[in-house]
Amino acid sequence: MKTIKPTDLQPGDIPAICTPKGFLPKGIRAFMWLWSVIHYRRIPKGKLYNHTMIVFFPGKIAEAVKRGYVRHLFMEHYADRLEHMVVFRPRQPLTAAEIEKLQQASLAMADRNVEYEILNFFYWMVYIVTNGRVDWFPKGSKIDDKVFCFEVSATHTNDYRPGFFARPSHTNTVDLQNDDRFEQLYFKE
């Protein structure tokens, strides 16, 4: 198991958290478990993660929370929860040009005051139970109006590496755990 310190976070890293309490985090993890069983045909090993964010500048993250798309310091919000986290780091390091694209995309989304997609849990439930055959996710011009956490991380990854994820709004933490293009890092205690 590879470990890092919070100060080692790099642009493009996708920290994910397993929030131990709360109805919604437990529900999200239950459906992530189901996604792993249905889609990947395997019972997941280890933790399942219910929330992601993306590092756009050393020490700074962008994420979707109930008040919408926000950018802030990682340690101000997650210093006391590091033991519940994993970091998905692209195996191919970002170039200076890719970092610039990520930072510009993050700033552009912040300037638009994008709201949180409160219905995403219901979209995911239907999508997972039907193994992707029923898709209620927003389409067309409505895609950019509202976002949720997994979508922010995948969308910004596509911003610096176009086409990395075929469907950012349909990418979740189980997909990241099964994606060989990422290594999984854990915070030192």
Protein backbone atom coordinates (compact mmCIF):
# COMPACT_ATOMS: atom_id res chain seq x y z
CA MET A 1 0.00 0.00 0.00
CA LYS A 2 1.50 3.30 -1.13
CA THR A 3 1.14 6.25 1.20
CA ILE A 4 1.42 10.01 0.82
CA LYS A 5 1.14 13.08 3.00
CA PRO A 6 -1.60 15.64 2.30
CA THR A 7 1.14 18.04 1.18
CA ASP A 8 2.01 15.55 -1.60
CA LEU A 9 -1.34 16.01 -3.38
CA GLN A 10 -0.88 17.00 -7.01
CA PRO A 11 -3.16 18.54 -9.62
CA GLY A 12 -5.25 15.78 -11.17
CA ASP A 13 -5.38 13.69 -7.99
CA ILE A 14 -8.89 12.56 -7.08
CA PRO A 15 -9.28 12.16 -3.31
CA ALA A 16 -12.29 10.05 -2.30
CA ILE A 17 -13.81 9.62 1.13
CA CYS A 18 -15.77 6.93 2.89
CA THR A 19 -17.98 8.93 5.26
CA PRO A 20 -18.70 6.41 8.04
CA LYS A 21 -22.00 7.87 9.24
CA GLY A 22 -25.15 9.22 7.68
CA PHE A 23 -28.03 7.81 5.67
CA LEU A 24 -26.96 9.23 2.31
CA PRO A 25 -23.27 8.15 2.48
CA LYS A 26 -24.33 4.64 3.55
CA GLY A 27 -26.89 4.53 0.74
CA ILE A 28 -24.32 5.64 -1.83
CA ARG A 29 -21.87 2.98 -0.65
CA ALA A 30 -24.62 0.31 -0.78
CA PHE A 31 -25.25 1.18 -4.42
CA MET A 32 -21.50 1.29 -5.14
CA TRP A 33 -21.35 -2.27 -3.75
CA LEU A 34 -24.25 -3.24 -6.02
CA TRP A 35 -22.56 -1.58 -9.04
CA SER A 36 -19.44 -3.63 -8.40
CA VAL A 37 -21.45 -6.86 -8.20
CA ILE A 38 -23.69 -6.16 -11.21
CA HIS A 39 -21.32 -4.33 -13.54
CA TYR A 40 -17.92 -5.79 -12.64
CA ARG A 41 -19.26 -9.15 -11.42
CA ARG A 42 -17.22 -9.08 -8.23
CA ILE A 43 -17.76 -8.39 -4.59
CA PRO A 44 -15.65 -5.33 -3.75
CA LYS A 45 -12.73 -5.73 -1.40
CA GLY A 46 -11.90 -2.99 1.07
CA LYS A 47 -13.64 0.34 1.49
CA LEU A 48 -16.17 1.84 -0.83
CA TYR A 49 -16.14 5.61 -1.24
CA ASN A 50 -19.17 7.89 -1.38
CA HIS A 51 -17.64 11.25 -2.34
CA THR A 52 -14.86 12.56 -4.58
CA MET A 53 -13.13 15.84 -5.30
CA ILE A 54 -10.24 16.82 -7.57
CA VAL A 55 -7.01 18.68 -6.83
CA PHE A 56 -6.65 21.59 -9.25
CA PHE A 57 -3.72 23.33 -7.52
CA PRO A 58 -1.40 22.01 -4.78
CA GLY A 59 -3.44 21.97 -1.57
CA LYS A 60 -6.65 23.15 -3.28
CA ILE A 61 -9.61 21.05 -4.37
CA ALA A 62 -12.79 21.48 -6.36
CA GLU A 63 -15.89 19.49 -5.46
CA ALA A 64 -19.66 19.46 -5.67
CA VAL A 65 -21.41 19.76 -2.31
CA LYS A 66 -24.97 20.67 -1.40
CA ARG A 67 -24.33 24.37 -2.00
CA GLY A 68 -22.95 23.65 -5.47
CA TYR A 69 -19.53 23.65 -7.09
CA VAL A 70 -16.90 24.94 -4.67
CA ARG A 71 -13.13 25.41 -4.56
CA HIS A 72 -11.26 25.49 -1.27
CA LEU A 73 -8.28 24.24 0.71
CA PHE A 74 -8.20 20.47 1.13
CA MET A 75 -6.89 20.45 4.71
CA GLU A 76 -9.48 22.95 5.94
CA HIS A 77 -12.22 20.44 5.19
CA TYR A 78 -10.63 17.00 5.40
CA ALA A 79 -7.71 17.13 7.89
CA ASP A 80 -9.64 15.12 10.49
CA ARG A 81 -10.88 12.48 8.02
CA LEU A 82 -7.72 11.37 6.23
CA GLU A 83 -7.98 7.79 7.57
CA HIS A 84 -11.25 7.41 5.63
CA MET A 85 -9.75 8.49 2.32
CA VAL A 86 -7.98 7.20 -0.76
CA VAL A 87 -6.37 9.20 -3.56
CA PHE A 88 -6.73 8.10 -7.17
CA ARG A 89 -3.65 9.42 -8.95
CA PRO A 90 -3.27 9.22 -12.74
CA ARG A 91 -0.37 6.88 -13.51
CA GLN A 92 0.64 9.19 -16.35
CA PRO A 93 1.65 12.47 -14.66
CA LEU A 94 0.02 15.66 -15.85
CA THR A 95 2.03 17.97 -18.06
CA ALA A 96 2.26 21.69 -17.36
CA ALA A 97 -0.23 22.30 -20.19
CA GLU A 98 -2.69 19.77 -18.70
CA ILE A 99 -2.42 21.41 -15.27
CA GLU A 100 -3.19 24.76 -16.88
CA LYS A 101 -6.25 23.28 -18.64
CA LEU A 102 -7.49 21.79 -15.35
CA GLN A 103 -7.05 25.08 -13.50
CA GLN A 104 -8.82 27.06 -16.23
CA ALA A 105 -11.71 24.59 -16.37
CA SER A 106 -12.09 24.73 -12.59
CA LEU A 107 -12.13 28.53 -12.61
CA ALA A 108 -14.67 28.58 -15.45
CA MET A 109 -17.00 26.21 -13.58
CA ALA A 110 -16.67 28.26 -10.39
CA ASP A 111 -17.50 31.45 -12.31
CA ARG A 112 -20.71 29.88 -13.62
CA ASN A 113 -22.02 29.20 -10.07
CA VAL A 114 -23.00 25.63 -10.98
CA GLU A 115 -25.55 24.07 -8.62
CA TYR A 116 -25.51 20.62 -7.01
CA GLU A 117 -27.56 17.92 -8.75
CA ILE A 118 -29.72 16.75 -5.86
CA LEU A 119 -31.42 14.03 -7.90
CA ASN A 120 -28.19 12.25 -8.85
CA PHE A 121 -28.65 9.54 -6.19
CA PHE A 122 -31.96 8.54 -7.79
CA TYR A 123 -30.44 8.58 -11.28
CA TRP A 124 -27.67 6.31 -10.01
CA MET A 125 -30.07 3.90 -8.26
CA VAL A 126 -32.00 3.25 -11.47
CA TYR A 127 -28.85 3.15 -13.59
CA ILE A 128 -27.14 0.64 -11.28
CA VAL A 129 -30.11 -1.68 -10.75
CA THR A 130 -30.60 -1.89 -14.54
CA ASN A 131 -26.82 -2.18 -15.23
CA GLY A 132 -26.97 0.98 -17.33
CA ARG A 133 -29.96 0.05 -19.47
CA VAL A 134 -32.15 2.80 -17.97
CA ASP A 135 -30.49 6.21 -17.96
CA TRP A 136 -32.31 9.15 -16.35
CA PHE A 137 -29.22 11.37 -16.14
CA PRO A 138 -29.66 14.87 -17.65
CA LYS A 139 -28.86 15.11 -21.33
CA GLY A 140 -28.14 17.80 -23.90
CA SER A 141 -27.92 21.37 -22.68
CA LYS A 142 -28.96 20.38 -19.14
CA ILE A 143 -25.71 18.46 -18.54
CA ASP A 144 -23.76 21.57 -17.54
CA ASP A 145 -26.48 23.14 -15.34
CA LYS A 146 -25.91 20.98 -12.26
CA VAL A 147 -23.19 18.58 -11.13
CA PHE A 148 -22.48 16.03 -8.42
CA CYS A 149 -19.17 14.99 -6.88
CA PHE A 150 -18.22 12.00 -9.06
CA GLU A 151 -19.12 13.98 -12.15
CA VAL A 152 -16.91 16.95 -11.19
CA SER A 153 -13.86 14.71 -10.80
CA ALA A 154 -14.45 12.88 -14.09
CA THR A 155 -15.41 16.03 -16.02
CA HIS A 156 -12.27 17.87 -14.92
CA THR A 157 -10.19 14.81 -15.83
CA ASN A 158 -11.70 15.06 -19.31
CA ASP A 159 -10.94 18.78 -19.33
CA TYR A 160 -7.21 18.11 -19.22
CA ARG A 161 -7.32 14.77 -21.10
CA PRO A 162 -10.28 14.91 -23.50
CA GLY A 163 -12.09 11.60 -23.83
CA PHE A 164 -10.46 10.02 -20.77
CA PHE A 165 -13.90 9.04 -19.48
CA ALA A 166 -16.52 8.20 -22.10
CA ARG A 167 -19.32 9.50 -19.88
CA PRO A 168 -18.15 11.59 -16.90
CA SER A 169 -21.62 11.75 -15.34
CA HIS A 170 -21.71 7.95 -15.36
CA THR A 171 -18.34 7.45 -13.63
CA ASN A 172 -18.14 6.59 -9.93
CA THR A 173 -15.62 5.51 -7.31
CA VAL A 174 -15.99 1.80 -8.09
CA ASP A 175 -15.07 2.62 -11.69
CA LEU A 176 -11.98 4.47 -10.43
CA GLN A 177 -11.04 1.53 -8.20
CA ASN A 178 -11.21 -0.75 -11.25
CA ASP A 179 -9.37 1.60 -13.61
CA ASP A 180 -5.72 0.65 -14.19
CA ARG A 181 -4.95 4.19 -15.34
CA PHE A 182 -4.99 5.22 -11.67
CA GLU A 183 -2.91 4.16 -8.72
CA GLN A 184 -4.46 4.18 -5.27
CA LEU A 185 -2.63 6.06 -2.51
CA TYR A 186 -3.47 6.36 1.18
CA PHE A 187 -2.62 9.06 3.67
CA LYS A 188 0.06 8.36 6.27
CA GLU A 189 -1.21 8.28 9.81
